[in-house]
PDB file of N, CA and C in Angstrom:
ATOM      1  N   UNK A   1     104.099 123.900 181.445  1.00  0.00           N
ATOM      2  CA  UNK A   1     102.835 123.777 180.766  1.00  0.00           C
ATOM      3  C   UNK A   1     101.717 123.918 181.788  1.00  0.00           C
ATOM      4  N   UNK A   2     100.719 124.660 181.449  1.00  0.00           N
ATOM      5  CA  UNK A   2      99.659 124.893 182.409  1.00  0.00           C
ATOM      6  C   UNK A   2      98.817 123.638 182.600  1.00  0.00           C
ATOM      7  N   UNK A   3      98.136 123.580 183.734  1.00  0.00           N
ATOM      8  CA  UNK A   3      97.296 122.412 184.025  1.00  0.00           C
ATOM      9  C   UNK A   3      96.128 122.358 183.063  1.00  0.00           C
ATOM     10  N   UNK A   4      95.854 121.179 182.574  1.00  0.00           N
ATOM     11  CA  UNK A   4      94.741 120.991 181.652  1.00  0.00           C
ATOM     12  C   UNK A   4      93.590 120.362 182.419  1.00  0.00           C
ATOM     13  N   UNK A   5      92.378 120.839 182.170  1.00  0.00           N
ATOM     14  CA  UNK A   5      91.198 120.232 182.771  1.00  0.00           C
ATOM     15  C   UNK A   5      90.902 118.941 182.021  1.00  0.00           C
ATOM     16  N   UNK A   6      90.570 117.909 182.764  1.00  0.00           N
ATOM     17  CA  UNK A   6      90.301 116.619 182.145  1.00  0.00           C
ATOM     18  C   UNK A   6      88.824 116.290 182.260  1.00  0.00           C
ATOM     19  N   UNK A   7      88.338 115.565 181.287  1.00  0.00           N
ATOM     20  CA  UNK A   7      86.958 115.091 181.335  1.00  0.00           C
ATOM     21  C   UNK A   7      86.949 113.617 180.976  1.00  0.00           C
ATOM     22  N   UNK A   8      85.932 112.940 181.383  1.00  0.00           N
ATOM     23  CA  UNK A   8      85.819 111.510 181.091  1.00  0.00           C
ATOM     24  C   UNK A   8      85.215 111.322 179.707  1.00  0.00           C
ATOM     25  N   UNK A   9      85.817 110.417 178.951  1.00  0.00           N
ATOM     26  CA  UNK A   9      85.322 110.097 177.615  1.00  0.00           C
ATOM     27  C   UNK A   9      85.045 108.604 177.572  1.00  0.00           C
ATOM     28  N   UNK A  10      83.858 108.234 177.155  1.00  0.00           N
ATOM     29  CA  UNK A  10      83.514 106.809 177.086  1.00  0.00           C
ATOM     30  C   UNK A  10      84.065 106.240 175.780  1.00  0.00           C
ATOM     31  N   UNK A  11      84.929 105.252 175.895  1.00  0.00           N
ATOM     32  CA  UNK A  11      85.498 104.612 174.712  1.00  0.00           C
ATOM     33  C   UNK A  11      84.822 103.280 174.415  1.00  0.00           C
ATOM     34  N   UNK A  12      84.266 102.642 175.438  1.00  0.00           N
ATOM     35  CA  UNK A  12      83.556 101.372 175.287  1.00  0.00           C
ATOM     36  C   UNK A  12      82.415 101.375 176.304  1.00  0.00           C
ATOM     37  N   UNK A  13      81.481 100.456 176.173  1.00  0.00           N
ATOM     38  CA  UNK A  13      80.407 100.385 177.168  1.00  0.00           C
ATOM     39  C   UNK A  13      80.969 100.259 178.580  1.00  0.00           C
ATOM     40  N   UNK A  14      80.271 100.849 179.537  1.00  0.00           N
ATOM     41  CA  UNK A  14      80.756 100.852 180.920  1.00  0.00           C
ATOM     42  C   UNK A  14      81.052  99.464 181.462  1.00  0.00           C
ATOM     43  N   UNK A  15      80.272  98.505 181.093  1.00  0.00           N
ATOM     44  CA  UNK A  15      80.460  97.171 181.656  1.00  0.00           C
ATOM     45  C   UNK A  15      81.725  96.482 181.145  1.00  0.00           C
ATOM     46  N   UNK A  16      82.296  96.945 180.025  1.00  0.00           N
ATOM     47  CA  UNK A  16      83.462  96.256 179.474  1.00  0.00           C
ATOM     48  C   UNK A  16      84.782  96.977 179.717  1.00  0.00           C
ATOM     49  N   UNK A  17      84.725  98.277 180.010  1.00  0.00           N
ATOM     50  CA  UNK A  17      85.981  98.997 180.225  1.00  0.00           C
ATOM     51  C   UNK A  17      85.711 100.238 181.052  1.00  0.00           C
ATOM     52  N   UNK A  18      86.679 100.633 181.848  1.00  0.00           N
ATOM     53  CA  UNK A  18      86.533 101.857 182.625  1.00  0.00           C
ATOM     54  C   UNK A  18      86.682 103.068 181.712  1.00  0.00           C
ATOM     55  N   UNK A  19      86.277 104.221 182.207  1.00  0.00           N
ATOM     56  CA  UNK A  19      86.347 105.446 181.410  1.00  0.00           C
ATOM     57  C   UNK A  19      87.782 105.952 181.366  1.00  0.00           C
ATOM     58  N   UNK A  20      88.176 106.489 180.217  1.00  0.00           N
ATOM     59  CA  UNK A  20      89.520 107.044 180.062  1.00  0.00           C
ATOM     60  C   UNK A  20      89.450 108.560 180.175  1.00  0.00           C
ATOM     61  N   UNK A  21      90.595 109.182 180.380  1.00  0.00           N
ATOM     62  CA  UNK A  21      90.656 110.634 180.535  1.00  0.00           C
ATOM     63  C   UNK A  21      91.186 111.269 179.253  1.00  0.00           C
ATOM     64  N   UNK A  22      90.588 112.390 178.878  1.00  0.00           N
ATOM     65  CA  UNK A  22      91.036 113.130 177.699  1.00  0.00           C
ATOM     66  C   UNK A  22      91.087 114.607 178.050  1.00  0.00           C
ATOM     67  N   UNK A  23      91.996 115.374 177.446  1.00  0.00           N
ATOM     68  CA  UNK A  23      92.083 116.810 177.733  1.00  0.00           C
ATOM     69  C   UNK A  23      90.813 117.533 177.306  1.00  0.00           C
ATOM     70  N   UNK A  24      90.347 118.448 178.158  1.00  0.00           N
ATOM     71  CA  UNK A  24      89.155 119.237 177.869  1.00  0.00           C
ATOM     72  C   UNK A  24      89.383 120.165 176.687  1.00  0.00           C
ATOM     73  N   UNK A  25      90.545 120.815 176.667  1.00  0.00           N
ATOM     74  CA  UNK A  25      90.804 121.841 175.654  1.00  0.00           C
ATOM     75  C   UNK A  25      91.614 121.312 174.480  1.00  0.00           C
ATOM     76  N   UNK A  26      91.595 120.012 174.227  1.00  0.00           N
ATOM     77  CA  UNK A  26      92.423 119.458 173.161  1.00  0.00           C
ATOM     78  C   UNK A  26      92.016 119.986 171.791  1.00  0.00           C
ATOM     79  N   UNK A  27      90.721 120.203 171.568  1.00  0.00           N
ATOM     80  CA  UNK A  27      90.282 120.705 170.266  1.00  0.00           C
ATOM     81  C   UNK A  27      90.813 122.111 170.043  1.00  0.00           C
ATOM     82  N   UNK A  28      90.677 122.980 171.021  1.00  0.00           N
ATOM     83  CA  UNK A  28      91.164 124.346 170.835  1.00  0.00           C
ATOM     84  C   UNK A  28      92.685 124.374 170.725  1.00  0.00           C
ATOM     85  N   UNK A  29      93.369 123.493 171.421  1.00  0.00           N
ATOM     86  CA  UNK A  29      94.827 123.430 171.317  1.00  0.00           C
ATOM     87  C   UNK A  29      95.234 122.989 169.920  1.00  0.00           C
ATOM     88  N   UNK A  30      94.550 122.002 169.375  1.00  0.00           N
ATOM     89  CA  UNK A  30      94.835 121.537 168.018  1.00  0.00           C
ATOM     90  C   UNK A  30      94.597 122.666 167.025  1.00  0.00           C
ATOM     91  N   UNK A  31      93.500 123.394 167.187  1.00  0.00           N
ATOM     92  CA  UNK A  31      93.211 124.509 166.281  1.00  0.00           C
ATOM     93  C   UNK A  31      94.288 125.578 166.371  1.00  0.00           C
ATOM     94  N   UNK A  32      94.746 125.879 167.581  1.00  0.00           N
ATOM     95  CA  UNK A  32      95.809 126.870 167.754  1.00  0.00           C
ATOM     96  C   UNK A  32      97.089 126.412 167.071  1.00  0.00           C
ATOM     97  N   UNK A  33      97.427 125.151 167.232  1.00  0.00           N
ATOM     98  CA  UNK A  33      98.640 124.627 166.603  1.00  0.00           C
ATOM     99  C   UNK A  33      98.525 124.634 165.084  1.00  0.00           C
ATOM    100  N   UNK A  34      97.347 124.283 164.563  1.00  0.00           N
ATOM    101  CA  UNK A  34      97.143 124.318 163.113  1.00  0.00           C
ATOM    102  C   UNK A  34      97.278 125.738 162.585  1.00  0.00           C
ATOM    103  N   UNK A  35      96.740 126.715 163.305  1.00  0.00           N
ATOM    104  CA  UNK A  35      96.864 128.115 162.894  1.00  0.00           C
ATOM    105  C   UNK A  35      98.325 128.551 162.879  1.00  0.00           C
ATOM    106  N   UNK A  36      99.081 128.148 163.895  1.00  0.00           N
ATOM    107  CA  UNK A  36     100.500 128.510 163.951  1.00  0.00           C
ATOM    108  C   UNK A  36     101.272 127.871 162.808  1.00  0.00           C
ATOM    109  N   UNK A  37     100.969 126.605 162.521  1.00  0.00           N
ATOM    110  CA  UNK A  37     101.642 125.917 161.415  1.00  0.00           C
ATOM    111  C   UNK A  37     101.327 126.600 160.097  1.00  0.00           C
ATOM    112  N   UNK A  38     100.063 126.957 159.878  1.00  0.00           N
ATOM    113  CA  UNK A  38      99.670 127.646 158.650  1.00  0.00           C
ATOM    114  C   UNK A  38     100.410 128.972 158.519  1.00  0.00           C
ATOM    115  N   UNK A  39     100.510 129.707 159.606  1.00  0.00           N
ATOM    116  CA  UNK A  39     101.237 130.983 159.591  1.00  0.00           C
ATOM    117  C   UNK A  39     102.709 130.755 159.242  1.00  0.00           C
ATOM    118  N   UNK A  40     103.316 129.737 159.845  1.00  0.00           N
ATOM    119  CA  UNK A  40     104.722 129.430 159.555  1.00  0.00           C
ATOM    120  C   UNK A  40     104.907 129.000 158.103  1.00  0.00           C
ATOM    121  N   UNK A  41     103.959 128.243 157.568  1.00  0.00           N
ATOM    122  CA  UNK A  41     104.043 127.818 156.165  1.00  0.00           C
ATOM    123  C   UNK A  41     103.982 129.022 155.236  1.00  0.00           C
ATOM    124  N   UNK A  42     103.101 129.974 155.522  1.00  0.00           N
ATOM    125  CA  UNK A  42     102.992 131.175 154.686  1.00  0.00           C
ATOM    126  C   UNK A  42     104.271 131.995 154.762  1.00  0.00           C
ATOM    127  N   UNK A  43     104.812 132.139 155.966  1.00  0.00           N
ATOM    128  CA  UNK A  43     106.053 132.895 156.135  1.00  0.00           C
ATOM    129  C   UNK A  43     107.197 132.218 155.398  1.00  0.00           C
ATOM    130  N   UNK A  44     107.299 130.907 155.527  1.00  0.00           N
ATOM    131  CA  UNK A  44     108.352 130.154 154.847  1.00  0.00           C
ATOM    132  C   UNK A  44     108.226 130.289 153.338  1.00  0.00           C
ATOM    133  N   UNK A  45     107.008 130.189 152.821  1.00  0.00           N
ATOM    134  CA  UNK A  45     106.792 130.324 151.374  1.00  0.00           C
ATOM    135  C   UNK A  45     107.219 131.703 150.892  1.00  0.00           C
ATOM    136  N   UNK A  46     106.892 132.742 151.641  1.00  0.00           N
ATOM    137  CA  UNK A  46     107.280 134.100 151.257  1.00  0.00           C
ATOM    138  C   UNK A  46     108.797 134.256 151.282  1.00  0.00           C
ATOM    139  N   UNK A  47     109.455 133.696 152.290  1.00  0.00           N
ATOM    140  CA  UNK A  47     110.913 133.791 152.375  1.00  0.00           C
ATOM    141  C   UNK A  47     111.598 133.029 151.248  1.00  0.00           C
ATOM    142  N   UNK A  48     111.083 131.856 150.909  1.00  0.00           N
ATOM    143  CA  UNK A  48     111.657 131.075 149.809  1.00  0.00           C
ATOM    144  C   UNK A  48     111.485 131.824 148.495  1.00  0.00           C
ATOM    145  N   UNK A  49     110.314 132.392 148.279  1.00  0.00           N
ATOM    146  CA  UNK A  49     110.074 133.168 147.057  1.00  0.00           C
ATOM    147  C   UNK A  49     111.033 134.356 146.970  1.00  0.00           C
ATOM    148  N   UNK A  50     111.234 135.031 148.086  1.00  0.00           N
ATOM    149  CA  UNK A  50     112.159 136.170 148.112  1.00  0.00           C
ATOM    150  C   UNK A  50     113.593 135.705 147.841  1.00  0.00           C
ATOM    151  N   UNK A  51     113.981 134.574 148.403  1.00  0.00           N
ATOM    152  CA  UNK A  51     115.329 134.044 148.180  1.00  0.00           C
ATOM    153  C   UNK A  51     115.552 133.717 146.707  1.00  0.00           C
ATOM    154  N   UNK A  52     114.545 133.147 146.039  1.00  0.00           N
ATOM    155  CA  UNK A  52     114.684 132.840 144.616  1.00  0.00           C
ATOM    156  C   UNK A  52     114.777 134.113 143.776  1.00  0.00           C
ATOM    157  N   UNK A  53     114.049 135.161 144.168  1.00  0.00           N
ATOM    158  CA  UNK A  53     114.171 136.435 143.442  1.00  0.00           C
ATOM    159  C   UNK A  53     115.573 137.006 143.595  1.00  0.00           C
ATOM    160  N   UNK A  54     116.137 136.918 144.786  1.00  0.00           N
ATOM    161  CA  UNK A  54     117.504 137.393 145.015  1.00  0.00           C
ATOM    162  C   UNK A  54     118.484 136.581 144.171  1.00  0.00           C
ATOM    163  N   UNK A  55     118.306 135.257 144.157  1.00  0.00           N
ATOM    164  CA  UNK A  55     119.173 134.392 143.344  1.00  0.00           C
ATOM    165  C   UNK A  55     119.095 134.788 141.875  1.00  0.00           C
ATOM    166  N   UNK A  56     117.874 135.007 141.362  1.00  0.00           N
ATOM    167  CA  UNK A  56     117.703 135.411 139.964  1.00  0.00           C
ATOM    168  C   UNK A  56     118.389 136.744 139.688  1.00  0.00           C
ATOM    169  N   UNK A  57     118.287 137.684 140.625  1.00  0.00           N
ATOM    170  CA  UNK A  57     118.962 138.978 140.463  1.00  0.00           C
ATOM    171  C   UNK A  57     120.476 138.798 140.400  1.00  0.00           C
ATOM    172  N   UNK A  58     121.016 137.940 141.239  1.00  0.00           N
ATOM    173  CA  UNK A  58     122.462 137.699 141.245  1.00  0.00           C
ATOM    174  C   UNK A  58     122.895 137.040 139.943  1.00  0.00           C
ATOM    175  N   UNK A  59     122.137 136.035 139.492  1.00  0.00           N
ATOM    176  CA  UNK A  59     122.462 135.356 138.232  1.00  0.00           C
ATOM    177  C   UNK A  59     122.429 136.350 137.080  1.00  0.00           C
ATOM    178  N   UNK A  60     121.403 137.189 137.021  1.00  0.00           N
ATOM    179  CA  UNK A  60     121.306 138.192 135.954  1.00  0.00           C
ATOM    180  C   UNK A  60     122.467 139.172 136.001  1.00  0.00           C
ATOM    181  N   UNK A  61     122.850 139.602 137.192  1.00  0.00           N
ATOM    182  CA  UNK A  61     123.977 140.532 137.325  1.00  0.00           C
ATOM    183  C   UNK A  61     125.279 139.890 136.869  1.00  0.00           C
ATOM    184  N   UNK A  62     125.492 138.637 137.238  1.00  0.00           N
ATOM    185  CA  UNK A  62     126.710 137.943 136.821  1.00  0.00           C
ATOM    186  C   UNK A  62     126.746 137.736 135.311  1.00  0.00           C
ATOM    187  N   UNK A  63     125.588 137.432 134.715  1.00  0.00           N
ATOM    188  CA  UNK A  63     125.536 137.261 133.265  1.00  0.00           C
ATOM    189  C   UNK A  63     125.836 138.577 132.554  1.00  0.00           C
ATOM    190  N   UNK A  64     125.350 139.689 133.075  1.00  0.00           N
ATOM    191  CA  UNK A  64     125.628 141.002 132.477  1.00  0.00           C
ATOM    192  C   UNK A  64     127.107 141.341 132.583  1.00  0.00           C
ATOM    193  N   UNK A  65     127.737 140.943 133.699  1.00  0.00           N
ATOM    194  CA  UNK A  65     129.156 141.229 133.878  1.00  0.00           C
ATOM    195  C   UNK A  65     130.004 140.440 132.886  1.00  0.00           C
ATOM    196  N   UNK A  66     129.560 139.243 132.494  1.00  0.00           N
ATOM    197  CA  UNK A  66     130.318 138.423 131.556  1.00  0.00           C
ATOM    198  C   UNK A  66     130.190 138.940 130.130  1.00  0.00           C
ATOM    199  N   UNK A  67     129.123 139.644 129.825  1.00  0.00           N
ATOM    200  CA  UNK A  67     128.917 140.150 128.453  1.00  0.00           C
ATOM    201  C   UNK A  67     129.629 141.426 128.219  1.00  0.00           C
TER     202      UNK A  67
END
């Protein structure tokens, strides 16, 4: 994993707690991951739909063979 630039984020007033570190590019990384998940969901939905069409074709063919 490549090195991430860190920046200081104030979580509480300076006098009560020290500053914590947070990834600089965390927002863009989250957006990239969300885009990938959305793409995978669309692909999965298309594959499931295609699988059900194949199943329906097989069921119809078997029913025709029985008649």
